[in-house]
Structures are given as structure tokens and as C-alpha cells.
C-alpha atoms as a PDB file:
ATOM      1  CA  GLU A   1     132.801-111.787 220.010  1.00  0.00           C
ATOM      2  CA  ALA A   2     132.475-109.056 217.507  1.00  0.00           C
ATOM      3  CA  ASP A   3     134.359-111.025 214.798  1.00  0.00           C
ATOM      4  CA  LEU A   4     132.312-114.223 215.517  1.00  0.00           C
ATOM      5  CA  LEU A   5     129.070-112.438 215.303  1.00  0.00           C
ATOM      6  CA  ARG A   6     130.202-110.867 211.925  1.00  0.00           C
ATOM      7  CA  ASP A   7     131.201-114.378 210.709  1.00  0.00           C
ATOM      8  CA  ILE A   8     127.826-115.878 211.854  1.00  0.00           C
ATOM      9  CA  ARG A   9     125.913-113.035 210.020  1.00  0.00           C
ATOM     10  CA  ILE A  10     127.849-113.727 206.892  1.00  0.00           C
ATOM     11  CA  ALA A  11     127.319-117.362 207.051  1.00  0.00           C
ATOM     12  CA  LEU A  12     123.381-117.050 207.826  1.00  0.00           C
ATOM     13  CA  GLY A  13     123.229-114.470 205.050  1.00  0.00           C
ATOM     14  CA  ARG A  14     124.141-117.154 202.405  1.00  0.00           C
ATOM     15  CA  ASP A  15     120.910-119.071 203.171  1.00  0.00           C
ATOM     16  CA  PRO A  16     118.168-117.519 201.110  1.00  0.00           C
ATOM     17  CA  ASP A  17     115.668-119.053 203.492  1.00  0.00           C
ATOM     18  CA  VAL A  18     116.966-117.073 206.574  1.00  0.00           C
ATOM     19  CA  ILE A  19     116.230-113.526 207.523  1.00  0.00           C
ATOM     20  CA  CYS A  20     118.172-112.443 210.477  1.00  0.00           C
ATOM     21  CA  TRP A  21     118.652-109.325 212.550  1.00  0.00           C
ATOM     22  CA  ARG A  22     121.118-108.049 214.807  1.00  0.00           C
ATOM     23  CA  SER A  23     119.297-107.366 218.171  1.00  0.00           C
ATOM     24  CA  THR A  24     121.169-104.695 220.103  1.00  0.00           C
ATOM     25  CA  THR A  25     119.933-103.742 223.611  1.00  0.00           C
ATOM     26  CA  GLY A  26     121.143-101.063 226.101  1.00  0.00           C
ATOM     27  CA  ALA A  27     120.433 -97.670 227.756  1.00  0.00           C
ATOM     28  CA  THR A  28     121.603 -94.278 227.376  1.00  0.00           C
ATOM     29  CA  GLN A  29     121.278 -90.948 229.203  1.00  0.00           C
ATOM     30  CA  GLU A  30     119.625 -88.059 227.783  1.00  0.00           C
ATOM     31  CA  ARG A  31     119.225 -84.476 228.931  1.00  0.00           C
ATOM     32  CA  ASP A  32     115.861 -83.879 230.326  1.00  0.00           C
ATOM     33  CA  PRO A  33     114.284 -80.589 229.339  1.00  0.00           C
ATOM     34  CA  ALA A  34     114.279 -79.610 233.059  1.00  0.00           C
ATOM     35  CA  PRO A  35     117.595 -77.938 233.991  1.00  0.00           C
ATOM     36  CA  GLY A  36     119.934 -80.253 235.337  1.00  0.00           C
ATOM     37  CA  ARG A  37     118.092 -83.539 234.885  1.00  0.00           C
ATOM     38  CA  THR A  38     118.645 -86.450 232.794  1.00  0.00           C
ATOM     39  CA  ARG A  39     116.420 -89.460 231.787  1.00  0.00           C
ATOM     40  CA  THR A  40     117.308 -93.025 230.830  1.00  0.00           C
ATOM     41  CA  ILE A  41     116.207 -94.197 227.525  1.00  0.00           C
ATOM     42  CA  CYS A  42     116.252 -98.021 226.994  1.00  0.00           C
ATOM     43  CA  TYR A  43     116.333 -99.496 223.568  1.00  0.00           C
ATOM     44  CA  GLY A  44     116.131-103.063 222.037  1.00  0.00           C
ATOM     45  CA  ILE A  45     113.781-105.987 222.574  1.00  0.00           C
ATOM     46  CA  GLY A  46     114.495-106.203 226.222  1.00  0.00           C
ATOM     47  CA  VAL A  47     117.148-107.056 228.817  1.00  0.00           C
ATOM     48  CA  GLY A  48     118.862-110.360 227.881  1.00  0.00           C
ATOM     49  CA  SER A  49     117.440-110.693 224.533  1.00  0.00           C
ATOM     50  CA  ALA A  50     119.562-112.649 222.054  1.00  0.00           C
ATOM     51  CA  ASP A  51     122.227-111.108 219.920  1.00  0.00           C
ATOM     52  CA  LEU A  52     120.720-112.482 216.727  1.00  0.00           C
ATOM     53  CA  ILE A  53     116.902-113.148 216.092  1.00  0.00           C
ATOM     54  CA  GLY A  54     115.390-114.334 212.880  1.00  0.00           C
ATOM     55  CA  ILE A  55     112.959-116.289 210.821  1.00  0.00           C
ATOM     56  CA  VAL A  56     113.640-119.380 208.728  1.00  0.00           C
ATOM     57  CA  ARG A  57     110.877-120.973 206.827  1.00  0.00           C
ATOM     58  CA  GLY A  58     108.265-119.343 209.119  1.00  0.00           C
ATOM     59  CA  ALA A  59     109.874-120.428 212.362  1.00  0.00           C
ATOM     60  CA  PHE A  60     111.526-118.022 214.905  1.00  0.00           C
ATOM     61  CA  PHE A  61     114.880-118.510 216.128  1.00  0.00           C
ATOM     62  CA  ALA A  62     117.168-116.650 218.564  1.00  0.00           C
ATOM     63  CA  ILE A  63     120.846-117.102 218.714  1.00  0.00           C
ATOM     64  CA  GLU A  64     123.178-115.759 221.717  1.00  0.00           C
ATOM     65  CA  VAL A  65     126.766-115.263 220.574  1.00  0.00           C
ATOM     66  CA  LYS A  66     129.458-116.037 222.845  1.00  0.00           C
ATOM     67  CA  SER A  67     133.202-116.533 222.633  1.00  0.00           C
ATOM     68  CA  ALA A  68     134.774-119.720 223.918  1.00  0.00           C
ATOM     69  CA  SER A  69     135.253-118.313 227.410  1.00  0.00           C
ATOM     70  CA  GLY A  70     132.128-115.912 227.328  1.00  0.00           C
ATOM     71  CA  ARG A  71     129.626-116.324 229.964  1.00  0.00           C
ATOM     72  CA  VAL A  72     125.811-116.275 229.490  1.00  0.00           C
ATOM     73  CA  SER A  73     124.171-113.787 232.075  1.00  0.00           C
ATOM     74  CA  PRO A  74     121.284-114.754 234.184  1.00  0.00           C
ATOM     75  CA  ALA A  75     119.073-112.244 232.047  1.00  0.00           C
ATOM     76  CA  GLN A  76     120.307-113.979 228.795  1.00  0.00           C
ATOM     77  CA  ARG A  77     119.564-117.311 229.992  1.00  0.00           C
ATOM     78  CA  ALA A  78     116.066-116.301 231.240  1.00  0.00           C
ATOM     79  CA  TRP A  79     115.325-114.810 227.823  1.00  0.00           C
ATOM     80  CA  LEU A  80     116.641-118.021 225.986  1.00  0.00           C
ATOM     81  CA  ASP A  81     114.460-120.202 228.375  1.00  0.00           C
ATOM     82  CA  LEU A  82     111.405-117.970 227.621  1.00  0.00           C
ATOM     83  CA  VAL A  83     111.979-118.334 223.937  1.00  0.00           C
ATOM     84  CA  ALA A  84     112.116-122.141 224.227  1.00  0.00           C
ATOM     85  CA  ARG A  85     109.154-122.425 226.550  1.00  0.00           C
ATOM     86  CA  HIS A  86     106.997-120.811 223.751  1.00  0.00           C
ATOM     87  CA  GLY A  87     108.216-123.487 221.236  1.00  0.00           C
ATOM     88  CA  ALA A  88     110.831-121.497 219.343  1.00  0.00           C
ATOM     89  CA  THR A  89     114.275-122.553 218.668  1.00  0.00           C
ATOM     90  CA  CYS A  90     117.228-120.777 220.409  1.00  0.00           C
ATOM     91  CA  GLY A  91     120.718-121.521 221.539  1.00  0.00           C
ATOM     92  CA  ILE A  92     124.238-120.234 222.277  1.00  0.00           C
ATOM     93  CA  ALA A  93     126.663-120.179 219.548  1.00  0.00           C
ATOM     94  CA  ARG A  94     130.443-120.219 220.213  1.00  0.00           C
ATOM     95  CA  SER A  95     131.259-120.912 216.456  1.00  0.00           C
ATOM     96  CA  VAL A  96     129.693-120.329 213.010  1.00  0.00           C
ATOM     97  CA  ASP A  97     128.925-124.130 213.078  1.00  0.00           C
ATOM     98  CA  ASP A  98     126.981-123.744 216.136  1.00  0.00           C
ATOM     99  CA  ALA A  99     124.851-121.035 214.784  1.00  0.00           C
ATOM    100  CA  LEU A 100     124.306-122.961 211.615  1.00  0.00           C
ATOM    101  CA  ALA A 101     123.114-125.944 213.711  1.00  0.00           C
ATOM    102  CA  ILE A 102     120.563-123.805 215.676  1.00  0.00           C
ATOM    103  CA  VAL A 103     119.065-122.486 212.310  1.00  0.00           C
ATOM    104  CA  GLU A 104     118.904-126.146 211.156  1.00  0.00           C
ATOM    105  CA  ARG A 105     116.903-127.168 214.119  1.00  0.00           C
ATOM    106  CA  ALA A 106     114.625-124.259 213.451  1.00  0.00           C
ATOM    107  CA  LYS A 107     114.050-125.373 209.866  1.00  0.00           C
ATOM    108  CA  ARG A 108     113.235-128.779 211.214  1.00  0.00           C
ATOM    109  CA  GLY A 109     110.702-127.283 213.703  1.00  0.00           C
ATOM    110  CA  ARG A 110     112.749-128.366 216.756  1.00  0.00           C
ATOM    111  CA  SER A 111     113.265-126.135 219.771  1.00  0.00           C
END
């Protein structure tokens, strides 16, 4: 998926109307000031958020990037469903063409 994600970002970067960000989420452990304790620090938009988020001509879009055999997790599906319910464009891209089609839908104001 890393190569596909890179290729999609390059393709989207060629369109001057598109602003796109990589949305990384996760958690890390950090030592707590108290001896022997750690704390979890979460980062990113939220659990399940799409790999790429962006704006095109004032419209928000979200793209979950998956390989041909990659599976969308329940949290990712819930996040995409939330975005769609609020009228933004989102989708799963298994190719550069899929991602370009999602952005084209956003340009036309279609979720």
C-alpha cells in the first residue's frame, strides 16, 4: 500500500485545484514522570480516519488507500460512512485511477 499511496499523492499533486494531506493515526507509549509508569499518547484525526484527506474547489474529500487484497476495517468503514453522511466525498482507492475518480466526484459536488 505504501507505493500506491505515494503514487496517488504524486498524481493528486499534479492538479492545482487539489490540496491533500496524509492522515496518519496511531498511538505510542511514553514514560510517565512517575517511576515505572507509561502513558499512551494517541495522534491523528481519529481511529479509522482515511489515509488521505483534502479539499478540492472548496469540497472536502477523504480517500482510504488499500491494495487489491487489502481489507477495510470496521473503524475505517465507520469513518467513511460518517464523512458520507455529512455530505462530503469519500471512497476506497485500490488504484491511482480510483483516487482520481473520488476527487473528480468531489469537484462535481457528489458524495
